[in-house]
Amino acid sequence: MVQRKVKASQVKFVKWSVFLTVMLGCLTPWVSAGMALFLGIIMAWLGTVPLEKYSGTFIRYSLQVAVVGLGFGINLQQALRAGKEGFLLTFCSIFITLSLGILLGRRLRLTTRTTILIAAGTAICGGSAIAALAPLLAAKKEEISVSLGIIFLLNALALFIFPWLGGHLHLSQHQFGLWSAIAIQDTSSVVAAAASYGNTALKIATTVKLERALWIIPVSLICLGLLKKEGNKQPATDNHVATQSRPQIRIPWFIFLFLLVIVLGAYLPIMHHMGKVALPVAEKLLSLTLFFIGTGFTRKAIKKVGVRPMVLGVLLWIFIATLSLLFLMHGF
């Protein structure tokens, strides 16, 4: 009995040592953002993730802080130019992806909630869109988990596929920045993929992606309006309607802080000096965040993803990635 306890404590010590060593290694200059994600995935598959229950909270807040910090490295004029160029492409891609997603979801006989979560996650900004819409749709835990799992898997693939494909197709930094911002779901994966392609691609991708993320607000308002309309049609004695709590829209405030940093950086010299410290810190914090995102890529997470929801997610992802790529290569 004593030997078992000693052995268990030794195994625990080894896991902690390996995990902390790799985690701290992600803060060094030798580990890129994409490599940090890959190391996190390795830790997950080796079962060496002692901080698993805290990773979700850390990812949520560290990503927001990192994105705001990246604003110190973006020029206001470049941001306005990128935002203007990406607005029409963003609007069209969101409208087409949501419409196609709802149509395919019906054909695949998925629940309306699962369909909207996957379609919105693909069209807008991955996990953030799912988190914002889930309470409005009164989505079940299983539906949220499946949707997040699909988005997570596709984002992990995008980190390796997009830079390779962009180089193979000889996309410019400008083209790749726009493409990754439109076709990759989560902000973290967009930033990581663009960072591995080049600094100019990173600036364009971050700006356009966060502009795209702002569409969470109007889409949430539309869903809220539809739910209220449906609720008014229900009988007053309907227990489900009577007991259901009022849904809340989660506004992505960190996006406004990101924009504020860019604007202030154009007019206040002190922001330039602050950026010399804040920007490198934000870049390494992003690497650390991607490492923790990778630790969620477990066998259990993969098993939770059903076949039909995965088919919907993959079809939408391939569609928007191909359509936006063709437009950028022949339309711009």
C-alpha atoms as a PDB file:
ATOM      1  CA  MET A   1       0.000   0.000   0.000  1.00  0.00           C
ATOM      2  CA  VAL A   2       2.791   2.354   0.960  1.00  0.00           C
ATOM      3  CA  GLN A   3       4.710   1.433  -2.187  1.00  0.00           C
ATOM      4  CA  ARG A   4       1.688   2.264  -4.325  1.00  0.00           C
ATOM      5  CA  LYS A   5       1.363   5.689  -2.721  1.00  0.00           C
ATOM      6  CA  VAL A   6       5.066   6.355  -3.232  1.00  0.00           C
ATOM      7  CA  LYS A   7       4.856   5.241  -6.844  1.00  0.00           C
ATOM      8  CA  ALA A   8       1.757   7.406  -7.444  1.00  0.00           C
ATOM      9  CA  SER A   9       3.478  10.440  -5.952  1.00  0.00           C
ATOM     10  CA  GLN A  10       6.545   9.812  -8.108  1.00  0.00           C
ATOM     11  CA  VAL A  11       4.410   9.581 -11.252  1.00  0.00           C
ATOM     12  CA  LYS A  12       2.630  12.794 -10.261  1.00  0.00           C
ATOM     13  CA  PHE A  13       5.968  14.526  -9.686  1.00  0.00           C
ATOM     14  CA  VAL A  14       7.240  13.438 -13.110  1.00  0.00           C
ATOM     15  CA  LYS A  15       4.056  14.666 -14.825  1.00  0.00           C
ATOM     16  CA  TRP A  16       4.288  18.040 -13.115  1.00  0.00           C
ATOM     17  CA  SER A  17       7.983  18.361 -13.931  1.00  0.00           C
ATOM     18  CA  VAL A  18       7.522  17.535 -17.612  1.00  0.00           C
ATOM     19  CA  PHE A  19       4.449  19.743 -17.927  1.00  0.00           C
ATOM     20  CA  LEU A  20       6.041  22.789 -16.257  1.00  0.00           C
ATOM     21  CA  THR A  21       9.250  22.381 -18.248  1.00  0.00           C
ATOM     22  CA  VAL A  22       7.425  22.313 -21.567  1.00  0.00           C
ATOM     23  CA  MET A  23       5.074  25.114 -20.491  1.00  0.00           C
ATOM     24  CA  LEU A  24       7.964  27.399 -19.538  1.00  0.00           C
ATOM     25  CA  GLY A  25       9.727  26.431 -22.761  1.00  0.00           C
ATOM     26  CA  CYS A  26       6.816  28.008 -24.672  1.00  0.00           C
ATOM     27  CA  LEU A  27       7.876  31.367 -23.217  1.00  0.00           C
ATOM     28  CA  THR A  28      11.320  31.172 -24.777  1.00  0.00           C
ATOM     29  CA  PRO A  29      12.228  32.707 -28.168  1.00  0.00           C
ATOM     30  CA  TRP A  30      12.934  29.245 -29.613  1.00  0.00           C
ATOM     31  CA  VAL A  31       9.300  28.064 -29.450  1.00  0.00           C
ATOM     32  CA  SER A  32       6.944  29.535 -32.054  1.00  0.00           C
ATOM     33  CA  ALA A  33       3.173  29.882 -31.656  1.00  0.00           C
ATOM     34  CA  GLY A  34       2.469  26.862 -33.851  1.00  0.00           C
ATOM     35  CA  MET A  35       5.063  24.752 -32.046  1.00  0.00           C
ATOM     36  CA  ALA A  36       3.510  25.686 -28.688  1.00  0.00           C
ATOM     37  CA  LEU A  37       0.157  24.326 -29.856  1.00  0.00           C
ATOM     38  CA  PHE A  38       1.804  21.127 -31.080  1.00  0.00           C
ATOM     39  CA  LEU A  39       3.567  20.653 -27.719  1.00  0.00           C
ATOM     40  CA  GLY A  40       0.237  21.079 -25.950  1.00  0.00           C
ATOM     41  CA  ILE A  41      -1.288  18.365 -28.121  1.00  0.00           C
ATOM     42  CA  ILE A  42       1.606  16.023 -27.272  1.00  0.00           C
ATOM     43  CA  MET A  43       1.045  16.673 -23.549  1.00  0.00           C
ATOM     44  CA  ALA A  44      -2.652  15.870 -23.953  1.00  0.00           C
ATOM     45  CA  TRP A  45      -2.027  12.572 -25.731  1.00  0.00           C
ATOM     46  CA  LEU A  46       0.596  11.572 -23.171  1.00  0.00           C
ATOM     47  CA  GLY A  47      -1.879  12.304 -20.385  1.00  0.00           C
ATOM     48  CA  THR A  48       0.468  14.879 -18.855  1.00  0.00           C
ATOM     49  CA  VAL A  49      -1.931  17.763 -18.160  1.00  0.00           C
ATOM     50  CA  PRO A  50      -2.110  18.383 -14.386  1.00  0.00           C
ATOM     51  CA  LEU A  51      -3.768  21.814 -14.816  1.00  0.00           C
ATOM     52  CA  GLU A  52      -6.522  20.585 -17.126  1.00  0.00           C
ATOM     53  CA  LYS A  53      -9.451  21.860 -15.026  1.00  0.00           C
ATOM     54  CA  TYR A  54      -8.011  25.396 -14.943  1.00  0.00           C
ATOM     55  CA  SER A  55      -6.973  25.626 -18.592  1.00  0.00           C
ATOM     56  CA  GLY A  56     -10.366  26.792 -19.874  1.00  0.00           C
ATOM     57  CA  THR A  57     -10.420  29.848 -17.625  1.00  0.00           C
ATOM     58  CA  PHE A  58      -6.791  30.659 -18.373  1.00  0.00           C
ATOM     59  CA  ILE A  59      -7.338  30.397 -22.142  1.00  0.00           C
ATOM     60  CA  ARG A  60     -10.350  32.675 -22.030  1.00  0.00           C
ATOM     61  CA  TYR A  61      -8.622  35.561 -20.259  1.00  0.00           C
ATOM     62  CA  SER A  62      -5.047  35.144 -21.501  1.00  0.00           C
ATOM     63  CA  LEU A  63      -6.195  35.192 -25.128  1.00  0.00           C
ATOM     64  CA  GLN A  64      -8.047  38.449 -24.563  1.00  0.00           C
ATOM     65  CA  VAL A  65      -5.025  40.048 -22.890  1.00  0.00           C
ATOM     66  CA  ALA A  66      -2.708  38.806 -25.653  1.00  0.00           C
ATOM     67  CA  VAL A  67      -4.938  40.160 -28.416  1.00  0.00           C
ATOM     68  CA  VAL A  68      -5.111  43.588 -26.764  1.00  0.00           C
ATOM     69  CA  GLY A  69      -1.316  43.566 -26.443  1.00  0.00           C
ATOM     70  CA  LEU A  70      -0.929  42.754 -30.128  1.00  0.00           C
ATOM     71  CA  GLY A  71      -2.676  46.047 -30.847  1.00  0.00           C
ATOM     72  CA  PHE A  72       0.568  47.837 -29.941  1.00  0.00           C
ATOM     73  CA  GLY A  73       2.168  46.438 -33.080  1.00  0.00           C
ATOM     74  CA  ILE A  74      -0.547  47.515 -35.545  1.00  0.00           C
ATOM     75  CA  ASN A  75      -0.479  50.779 -37.477  1.00  0.00           C
ATOM     76  CA  LEU A  76      -3.794  52.684 -37.545  1.00  0.00           C
ATOM     77  CA  GLN A  77      -3.692  53.443 -41.280  1.00  0.00           C
ATOM     78  CA  GLN A  78      -2.900  49.825 -42.109  1.00  0.00           C
ATOM     79  CA  ALA A  79      -5.720  48.699 -39.819  1.00  0.00           C
ATOM     80  CA  LEU A  80      -8.237  51.015 -41.522  1.00  0.00           C
ATOM     81  CA  ARG A  81      -7.107  49.856 -44.949  1.00  0.00           C
ATOM     82  CA  ALA A  82      -7.353  46.182 -43.979  1.00  0.00           C
ATOM     83  CA  GLY A  83     -10.716  46.682 -42.315  1.00  0.00           C
ATOM     84  CA  LYS A  84     -12.125  48.441 -45.359  1.00  0.00           C
ATOM     85  CA  GLU A  85     -10.909  45.729 -47.724  1.00  0.00           C
ATOM     86  CA  GLY A  86     -12.122  42.930 -45.484  1.00  0.00           C
ATOM     87  CA  PHE A  87     -15.576  44.321 -44.650  1.00  0.00           C
ATOM     88  CA  LEU A  88     -17.404  43.206 -47.791  1.00  0.00           C
ATOM     89  CA  LEU A  89     -15.655  39.834 -47.788  1.00  0.00           C
ATOM     90  CA  THR A  90     -16.500  39.385 -44.111  1.00  0.00           C
ATOM     91  CA  PHE A  91     -20.153  40.310 -44.545  1.00  0.00           C
ATOM     92  CA  CYS A  92     -20.671  38.033 -47.546  1.00  0.00           C
ATOM     93  CA  SER A  93     -18.839  35.097 -45.962  1.00  0.00           C
ATOM     94  CA  ILE A  94     -20.867  35.329 -42.743  1.00  0.00           C
ATOM     95  CA  PHE A  95     -24.204  35.561 -44.562  1.00  0.00           C
ATOM     96  CA  ILE A  96     -23.405  32.713 -46.980  1.00  0.00           C
ATOM     97  CA  THR A  97     -21.924  30.436 -44.287  1.00  0.00           C
ATOM     98  CA  LEU A  98     -24.862  30.878 -41.894  1.00  0.00           C
ATOM     99  CA  SER A  99     -27.408  30.310 -44.687  1.00  0.00           C
ATOM    100  CA  LEU A 100     -25.614  27.240 -46.046  1.00  0.00           C
ATOM    101  CA  GLY A 101     -25.075  25.886 -42.536  1.00  0.00           C
ATOM    102  CA  ILE A 102     -28.783  26.027 -41.691  1.00  0.00           C
ATOM    103  CA  LEU A 103     -29.656  24.338 -45.002  1.00  0.00           C
ATOM    104  CA  LEU A 104     -27.089  21.546 -44.552  1.00  0.00           C
ATOM    105  CA  GLY A 105     -28.048  21.091 -40.899  1.00  0.00           C
ATOM    106  CA  ARG A 106     -31.617  20.326 -41.919  1.00  0.00           C
ATOM    107  CA  ARG A 107     -30.455  17.870 -44.558  1.00  0.00           C
ATOM    108  CA  LEU A 108     -28.232  16.127 -41.992  1.00  0.00           C
ATOM    109  CA  ARG A 109     -31.146  16.072 -39.506  1.00  0.00           C
ATOM    110  CA  LEU A 110     -29.241  17.895 -36.786  1.00  0.00           C
ATOM    111  CA  THR A 111     -30.942  19.872 -34.047  1.00  0.00           C
ATOM    112  CA  THR A 112     -31.467  23.556 -34.754  1.00  0.00           C
ATOM    113  CA  ARG A 113     -29.285  24.505 -31.796  1.00  0.00           C
ATOM    114  CA  THR A 114     -26.348  22.356 -32.901  1.00  0.00           C
ATOM    115  CA  THR A 115     -26.667  23.610 -36.470  1.00  0.00           C
ATOM    116  CA  ILE A 116     -26.654  27.292 -35.472  1.00  0.00           C
ATOM    117  CA  LEU A 117     -23.753  26.839 -33.057  1.00  0.00           C
ATOM    118  CA  ILE A 118     -21.552  25.124 -35.650  1.00  0.00           C
ATOM    119  CA  ALA A 119     -22.562  27.522 -38.438  1.00  0.00           C
ATOM    120  CA  ALA A 120     -22.012  30.618 -36.280  1.00  0.00           C
ATOM    121  CA  GLY A 121     -18.717  29.252 -34.970  1.00  0.00           C
ATOM    122  CA  THR A 122     -17.518  28.764 -38.546  1.00  0.00           C
ATOM    123  CA  ALA A 123     -18.943  32.027 -39.874  1.00  0.00           C
ATOM    124  CA  ILE A 124     -17.892  34.407 -37.110  1.00  0.00           C
ATOM    125  CA  CYS A 125     -15.233  33.508 -34.579  1.00  0.00           C
ATOM    126  CA  GLY A 126     -15.299  29.935 -33.375  1.00  0.00           C
ATOM    127  CA  GLY A 127     -15.593  29.325 -29.657  1.00  0.00           C
ATOM    128  CA  SER A 128     -16.414  32.967 -28.857  1.00  0.00           C
ATOM    129  CA  ALA A 129     -19.487  32.883 -31.095  1.00  0.00           C
ATOM    130  CA  ILE A 130     -20.578  29.552 -29.633  1.00  0.00           C
ATOM    131  CA  ALA A 131     -20.160  30.883 -26.088  1.00  0.00           C
ATOM    132  CA  ALA A 132     -22.191  33.985 -26.948  1.00  0.00           C
ATOM    133  CA  LEU A 133     -25.044  32.161 -28.685  1.00  0.00           C
ATOM    134  CA  ALA A 134     -25.318  29.061 -26.468  1.00  0.00           C
ATOM    135  CA  PRO A 135     -27.246  30.783 -23.628  1.00  0.00           C
ATOM    136  CA  LEU A 136     -29.526  32.529 -26.132  1.00  0.00           C
ATOM    137  CA  LEU A 137     -30.406  29.191 -27.728  1.00  0.00           C
ATOM    138  CA  ALA A 138     -30.671  27.408 -24.358  1.00  0.00           C
ATOM    139  CA  ALA A 139     -28.249  24.883 -25.843  1.00  0.00           C
ATOM    140  CA  LYS A 140     -27.561  21.644 -23.991  1.00  0.00           C
ATOM    141  CA  LYS A 141     -24.131  20.864 -22.597  1.00  0.00           C
ATOM    142  CA  GLU A 142     -23.651  18.055 -25.130  1.00  0.00           C
ATOM    143  CA  GLU A 143     -24.510  20.350 -28.042  1.00  0.00           C
ATOM    144  CA  ILE A 144     -22.039  22.970 -26.840  1.00  0.00           C
ATOM    145  CA  SER A 145     -19.304  20.375 -26.301  1.00  0.00           C
ATOM    146  CA  VAL A 146     -19.777  18.855 -29.754  1.00  0.00           C
ATOM    147  CA  SER A 147     -19.752  22.271 -31.443  1.00  0.00           C
ATOM    148  CA  LEU A 148     -16.645  23.394 -29.586  1.00  0.00           C
ATOM    149  CA  GLY A 149     -14.951  20.056 -30.273  1.00  0.00           C
ATOM    150  CA  ILE A 150     -15.505  20.362 -34.021  1.00  0.00           C
ATOM    151  CA  ILE A 151     -14.271  23.948 -34.128  1.00  0.00           C
ATOM    152  CA  PHE A 152     -11.246  23.005 -32.047  1.00  0.00           C
ATOM    153  CA  LEU A 153     -10.276  20.091 -34.292  1.00  0.00           C
ATOM    154  CA  LEU A 154     -10.601  22.151 -37.469  1.00  0.00           C
ATOM    155  CA  ASN A 155      -8.611  25.025 -35.971  1.00  0.00           C
ATOM    156  CA  ALA A 156      -5.811  22.641 -35.030  1.00  0.00           C
ATOM    157  CA  LEU A 157      -5.691  21.372 -38.612  1.00  0.00           C
ATOM    158  CA  ALA A 158      -5.784  24.928 -39.991  1.00  0.00           C
ATOM    159  CA  LEU A 159      -2.614  25.848 -38.123  1.00  0.00           C
ATOM    160  CA  PHE A 160      -0.656  23.331 -40.182  1.00  0.00           C
ATOM    161  CA  ILE A 161      -2.615  23.303 -43.455  1.00  0.00           C
ATOM    162  CA  PHE A 162      -3.052  27.035 -44.100  1.00  0.00           C
ATOM    163  CA  PRO A 163       0.612  28.183 -43.912  1.00  0.00           C
ATOM    164  CA  TRP A 164       1.691  25.199 -46.018  1.00  0.00           C
ATOM    165  CA  LEU A 165      -1.033  25.784 -48.607  1.00  0.00           C
ATOM    166  CA  GLY A 166      -0.423  29.545 -48.634  1.00  0.00           C
ATOM    167  CA  GLY A 167       3.262  28.987 -49.385  1.00  0.00           C
ATOM    168  CA  HIS A 168       2.477  26.356 -52.014  1.00  0.00           C
ATOM    169  CA  LEU A 169       0.069  28.757 -53.779  1.00  0.00           C
ATOM    170  CA  HIS A 170       2.525  31.663 -53.387  1.00  0.00           C
ATOM    171  CA  LEU A 171       0.001  33.859 -51.599  1.00  0.00           C
ATOM    172  CA  SER A 172       1.224  37.307 -50.660  1.00  0.00           C
ATOM    173  CA  GLN A 173       1.318  38.429 -47.034  1.00  0.00           C
ATOM    174  CA  HIS A 174      -1.745  40.560 -47.757  1.00  0.00           C
ATOM    175  CA  GLN A 175      -3.708  37.708 -49.334  1.00  0.00           C
ATOM    176  CA  PHE A 176      -2.834  35.216 -46.616  1.00  0.00           C
ATOM    177  CA  GLY A 177      -3.751  37.662 -43.847  1.00  0.00           C
ATOM    178  CA  LEU A 178      -7.216  38.191 -45.311  1.00  0.00           C
ATOM    179  CA  TRP A 179      -7.693  34.505 -46.110  1.00  0.00           C
ATOM    180  CA  SER A 180      -6.784  33.258 -42.638  1.00  0.00           C
ATOM    181  CA  ALA A 181      -9.007  35.912 -41.017  1.00  0.00           C
ATOM    182  CA  ILE A 182     -11.997  34.785 -43.081  1.00  0.00           C
ATOM    183  CA  ALA A 183     -11.498  31.022 -43.275  1.00  0.00           C
ATOM    184  CA  ILE A 184     -10.107  30.097 -39.835  1.00  0.00           C
ATOM    185  CA  GLN A 185     -12.584  30.133 -36.985  1.00  0.00           C
ATOM    186  CA  ASP A 186     -10.920  31.034 -33.679  1.00  0.00           C
ATOM    187  CA  THR A 187      -8.937  34.230 -33.142  1.00  0.00           C
ATOM    188  CA  SER A 188      -6.059  32.337 -31.541  1.00  0.00           C
ATOM    189  CA  SER A 189      -5.635  30.050 -34.554  1.00  0.00           C
ATOM    190  CA  VAL A 190      -5.918  32.962 -36.985  1.00  0.00           C
ATOM    191  CA  VAL A 191      -3.185  34.849 -35.155  1.00  0.00           C
ATOM    192  CA  ALA A 192      -0.973  31.759 -34.864  1.00  0.00           C
ATOM    193  CA  ALA A 193      -1.311  30.798 -38.530  1.00  0.00           C
ATOM    194  CA  ALA A 194      -0.708  34.355 -39.708  1.00  0.00           C
ATOM    195  CA  ALA A 195       2.254  34.800 -37.348  1.00  0.00           C
ATOM    196  CA  SER A 196       3.947  31.761 -38.876  1.00  0.00           C
ATOM    197  CA  TYR A 197       3.445  33.232 -42.356  1.00  0.00           C
ATOM    198  CA  GLY A 198       4.799  36.721 -41.710  1.00  0.00           C
ATOM    199  CA  ASN A 199       4.505  39.938 -39.739  1.00  0.00           C
ATOM    200  CA  THR A 200       2.421  41.753 -42.351  1.00  0.00           C
ATOM    201  CA  ALA A 201       0.028  38.816 -42.602  1.00  0.00           C
ATOM    202  CA  LEU A 202      -0.282  38.848 -38.800  1.00  0.00           C
ATOM    203  CA  LYS A 203      -1.274  42.519 -38.668  1.00  0.00           C
ATOM    204  CA  ILE A 204      -3.852  42.205 -41.431  1.00  0.00           C
ATOM    205  CA  ALA A 205      -5.280  38.936 -40.099  1.00  0.00           C
ATOM    206  CA  THR A 206      -5.637  40.226 -36.536  1.00  0.00           C
ATOM    207  CA  THR A 207      -7.430  43.400 -37.593  1.00  0.00           C
ATOM    208  CA  VAL A 208      -9.846  41.744 -40.019  1.00  0.00           C
ATOM    209  CA  LYS A 209     -10.488  38.830 -37.673  1.00  0.00           C
ATOM    210  CA  LEU A 210     -11.454  41.082 -34.788  1.00  0.00           C
ATOM    211  CA  GLU A 211     -13.649  43.108 -37.118  1.00  0.00           C
ATOM    212  CA  ARG A 212     -15.300  39.822 -38.046  1.00  0.00           C
ATOM    213  CA  ALA A 213     -15.708  38.942 -34.362  1.00  0.00           C
ATOM    214  CA  LEU A 214     -17.774  42.094 -33.828  1.00  0.00           C
ATOM    215  CA  TRP A 215     -20.519  40.409 -35.818  1.00  0.00           C
ATOM    216  CA  ILE A 216     -21.240  38.400 -32.682  1.00  0.00           C
ATOM    217  CA  ILE A 217     -23.283  41.364 -31.477  1.00  0.00           C
ATOM    218  CA  PRO A 218     -25.755  41.756 -34.403  1.00  0.00           C
ATOM    219  CA  VAL A 219     -26.093  37.980 -34.856  1.00  0.00           C
ATOM    220  CA  SER A 220     -26.809  37.598 -31.118  1.00  0.00           C
ATOM    221  CA  LEU A 221     -29.393  40.384 -31.280  1.00  0.00           C
ATOM    222  CA  ILE A 222     -31.099  38.696 -34.240  1.00  0.00           C
ATOM    223  CA  CYS A 223     -31.221  35.376 -32.349  1.00  0.00           C
ATOM    224  CA  LEU A 224     -32.536  37.131 -29.254  1.00  0.00           C
ATOM    225  CA  GLY A 225     -35.248  38.812 -31.313  1.00  0.00           C
ATOM    226  CA  LEU A 226     -36.286  35.499 -32.869  1.00  0.00           C
ATOM    227  CA  LEU A 227     -36.406  33.821 -29.457  1.00  0.00           C
ATOM    228  CA  LYS A 228     -38.565  36.600 -28.027  1.00  0.00           C
ATOM    229  CA  LYS A 229     -40.877  36.304 -31.008  1.00  0.00           C
ATOM    230  CA  GLU A 230     -41.192  32.547 -30.465  1.00  0.00           C
ATOM    231  CA  GLY A 231     -41.654  33.083 -26.738  1.00  0.00           C
ATOM    232  CA  ASN A 232     -44.577  35.454 -27.322  1.00  0.00           C
ATOM    233  CA  LYS A 233     -46.300  32.727 -29.345  1.00  0.00           C
ATOM    234  CA  GLN A 234     -46.112  30.260 -26.446  1.00  0.00           C
ATOM    235  CA  PRO A 235     -49.050  29.987 -24.017  1.00  0.00           C
ATOM    236  CA  ALA A 236     -48.653  31.946 -20.788  1.00  0.00           C
ATOM    237  CA  THR A 237     -48.908  28.699 -18.838  1.00  0.00           C
ATOM    238  CA  ASP A 238     -45.936  27.118 -20.591  1.00  0.00           C
ATOM    239  CA  ASN A 239     -43.657  26.119 -17.721  1.00  0.00           C
ATOM    240  CA  HIS A 240     -40.540  26.074 -19.902  1.00  0.00           C
ATOM    241  CA  VAL A 241     -41.063  29.654 -21.007  1.00  0.00           C
ATOM    242  CA  ALA A 242     -42.069  30.801 -17.541  1.00  0.00           C
ATOM    243  CA  THR A 243     -39.065  29.325 -15.811  1.00  0.00           C
ATOM    244  CA  GLN A 244     -36.468  30.046 -18.461  1.00  0.00           C
ATOM    245  CA  SER A 245     -34.017  32.733 -17.393  1.00  0.00           C
ATOM    246  CA  ARG A 246     -33.540  35.731 -19.592  1.00  0.00           C
ATOM    247  CA  PRO A 247     -30.595  35.154 -21.975  1.00  0.00           C
ATOM    248  CA  GLN A 248     -27.674  37.549 -21.884  1.00  0.00           C
ATOM    249  CA  ILE A 249     -25.511  38.671 -24.794  1.00  0.00           C
ATOM    250  CA  ARG A 250     -21.794  38.441 -24.114  1.00  0.00           C
ATOM    251  CA  ILE A 251     -20.202  41.504 -25.689  1.00  0.00           C
ATOM    252  CA  PRO A 252     -16.527  40.928 -26.586  1.00  0.00           C
ATOM    253  CA  TRP A 253     -15.201  44.013 -24.792  1.00  0.00           C
ATOM    254  CA  PHE A 254     -11.556  43.082 -25.373  1.00  0.00           C
ATOM    255  CA  ILE A 255     -12.042  43.820 -29.077  1.00  0.00           C
ATOM    256  CA  PHE A 256     -12.869  47.432 -28.271  1.00  0.00           C
ATOM    257  CA  LEU A 257      -9.753  47.637 -26.087  1.00  0.00           C
ATOM    258  CA  PHE A 258      -7.726  46.259 -29.000  1.00  0.00           C
ATOM    259  CA  LEU A 259      -9.102  48.984 -31.266  1.00  0.00           C
ATOM    260  CA  LEU A 260      -8.494  51.628 -28.591  1.00  0.00           C
ATOM    261  CA  VAL A 261      -4.834  50.621 -28.299  1.00  0.00           C
ATOM    262  CA  ILE A 262      -4.405  50.974 -32.064  1.00  0.00           C
ATOM    263  CA  VAL A 263      -6.031  54.425 -32.120  1.00  0.00           C
ATOM    264  CA  LEU A 264      -4.085  55.735 -29.127  1.00  0.00           C
ATOM    265  CA  GLY A 265      -0.887  54.362 -30.609  1.00  0.00           C
ATOM    266  CA  ALA A 266      -1.329  56.677 -33.599  1.00  0.00           C
ATOM    267  CA  TYR A 267      -1.554  59.837 -31.489  1.00  0.00           C
ATOM    268  CA  LEU A 268       0.273  59.267 -28.189  1.00  0.00           C
ATOM    269  CA  PRO A 269       4.074  58.833 -28.329  1.00  0.00           C
ATOM    270  CA  ILE A 270       4.060  57.104 -24.924  1.00  0.00           C
ATOM    271  CA  MET A 271       2.124  54.211 -26.480  1.00  0.00           C
ATOM    272  CA  HIS A 272       5.075  53.523 -28.756  1.00  0.00           C
ATOM    273  CA  HIS A 273       7.388  53.123 -25.759  1.00  0.00           C
ATOM    274  CA  MET A 274       4.831  50.952 -23.950  1.00  0.00           C
ATOM    275  CA  GLY A 275       4.564  48.786 -27.038  1.00  0.00           C
ATOM    276  CA  LYS A 276       8.253  47.872 -26.884  1.00  0.00           C
ATOM    277  CA  VAL A 277       7.460  45.993 -23.677  1.00  0.00           C
ATOM    278  CA  ALA A 278       3.809  45.034 -24.196  1.00  0.00           C
ATOM    279  CA  LEU A 279       4.147  43.570 -27.695  1.00  0.00           C
ATOM    280  CA  PRO A 280       6.819  40.906 -26.904  1.00  0.00           C
ATOM    281  CA  VAL A 281       4.920  39.974 -23.728  1.00  0.00           C
ATOM    282  CA  ALA A 282       1.682  39.612 -25.710  1.00  0.00           C
ATOM    283  CA  GLU A 283       3.368  37.412 -28.315  1.00  0.00           C
ATOM    284  CA  LYS A 284       4.733  34.997 -25.705  1.00  0.00           C
ATOM    285  CA  LEU A 285       1.434  35.026 -23.805  1.00  0.00           C
ATOM    286  CA  LEU A 286      -0.218  33.992 -27.059  1.00  0.00           C
ATOM    287  CA  SER A 287       2.214  31.082 -27.386  1.00  0.00           C
ATOM    288  CA  LEU A 288       1.432  30.004 -23.830  1.00  0.00           C
ATOM    289  CA  THR A 289      -2.300  30.252 -24.557  1.00  0.00           C
ATOM    290  CA  LEU A 290      -1.935  28.067 -27.638  1.00  0.00           C
ATOM    291  CA  PHE A 291      -0.045  25.528 -25.556  1.00  0.00           C
ATOM    292  CA  PHE A 292      -3.018  25.257 -23.193  1.00  0.00           C
ATOM    293  CA  ILE A 293      -5.422  25.086 -26.137  1.00  0.00           C
ATOM    294  CA  GLY A 294      -3.413  22.133 -27.399  1.00  0.00           C
ATOM    295  CA  THR A 295      -3.759  20.354 -24.047  1.00  0.00           C
ATOM    296  CA  GLY A 296      -7.492  20.108 -24.703  1.00  0.00           C
ATOM    297  CA  PHE A 297      -6.928  18.030 -27.834  1.00  0.00           C
ATOM    298  CA  THR A 298      -7.524  14.734 -26.012  1.00  0.00           C
ATOM    299  CA  ARG A 299      -8.860  11.372 -27.164  1.00  0.00           C
ATOM    300  CA  LYS A 300     -11.953  12.010 -25.056  1.00  0.00           C
ATOM    301  CA  ALA A 301     -12.605  15.322 -26.833  1.00  0.00           C
ATOM    302  CA  ILE A 302     -12.314  13.641 -30.234  1.00  0.00           C
ATOM    303  CA  LYS A 303     -14.745  10.869 -29.264  1.00  0.00           C
ATOM    304  CA  LYS A 304     -17.365  13.442 -28.260  1.00  0.00           C
ATOM    305  CA  VAL A 305     -17.576  14.759 -31.825  1.00  0.00           C
ATOM    306  CA  GLY A 306     -20.341  12.949 -33.705  1.00  0.00           C
ATOM    307  CA  VAL A 307     -20.185  12.020 -37.384  1.00  0.00           C
ATOM    308  CA  ARG A 308     -23.027  14.200 -38.705  1.00  0.00           C
ATOM    309  CA  PRO A 309     -22.016  17.370 -36.796  1.00  0.00           C
ATOM    310  CA  MET A 310     -18.447  16.806 -37.966  1.00  0.00           C
ATOM    311  CA  VAL A 311     -19.648  16.482 -41.577  1.00  0.00           C
ATOM    312  CA  LEU A 312     -21.453  19.811 -41.233  1.00  0.00           C
ATOM    313  CA  GLY A 313     -18.418  21.529 -39.737  1.00  0.00           C
ATOM    314  CA  VAL A 314     -15.996  20.163 -42.349  1.00  0.00           C
ATOM    315  CA  LEU A 315     -18.265  21.005 -45.293  1.00  0.00           C
ATOM    316  CA  LEU A 316     -18.765  24.579 -44.102  1.00  0.00           C
ATOM    317  CA  TRP A 317     -15.064  24.989 -43.399  1.00  0.00           C
ATOM    318  CA  ILE A 318     -14.000  23.681 -46.830  1.00  0.00           C
ATOM    319  CA  PHE A 319     -16.663  25.794 -48.528  1.00  0.00           C
ATOM    320  CA  ILE A 320     -15.722  29.127 -46.936  1.00  0.00           C
ATOM    321  CA  ALA A 321     -11.981  28.416 -47.205  1.00  0.00           C
ATOM    322  CA  THR A 322     -12.237  27.561 -50.913  1.00  0.00           C
ATOM    323  CA  LEU A 323     -14.624  30.376 -51.793  1.00  0.00           C
ATOM    324  CA  SER A 324     -12.591  33.073 -50.021  1.00  0.00           C
ATOM    325  CA  LEU A 325      -9.320  31.726 -51.459  1.00  0.00           C
ATOM    326  CA  LEU A 326     -10.653  31.804 -55.024  1.00  0.00           C
ATOM    327  CA  PHE A 327     -11.935  35.324 -54.493  1.00  0.00           C
ATOM    328  CA  LEU A 328      -8.626  36.557 -53.096  1.00  0.00           C
ATOM    329  CA  MET A 329      -6.578  34.912 -55.847  1.00  0.00           C
ATOM    330  CA  HIS A 330      -8.752  36.096 -58.735  1.00  0.00           C
ATOM    331  CA  GLY A 331     -10.861  38.932 -57.334  1.00  0.00           C
ATOM    332  CA  PHE A 332      -8.192  41.094 -55.655  1.00  0.00           C
END
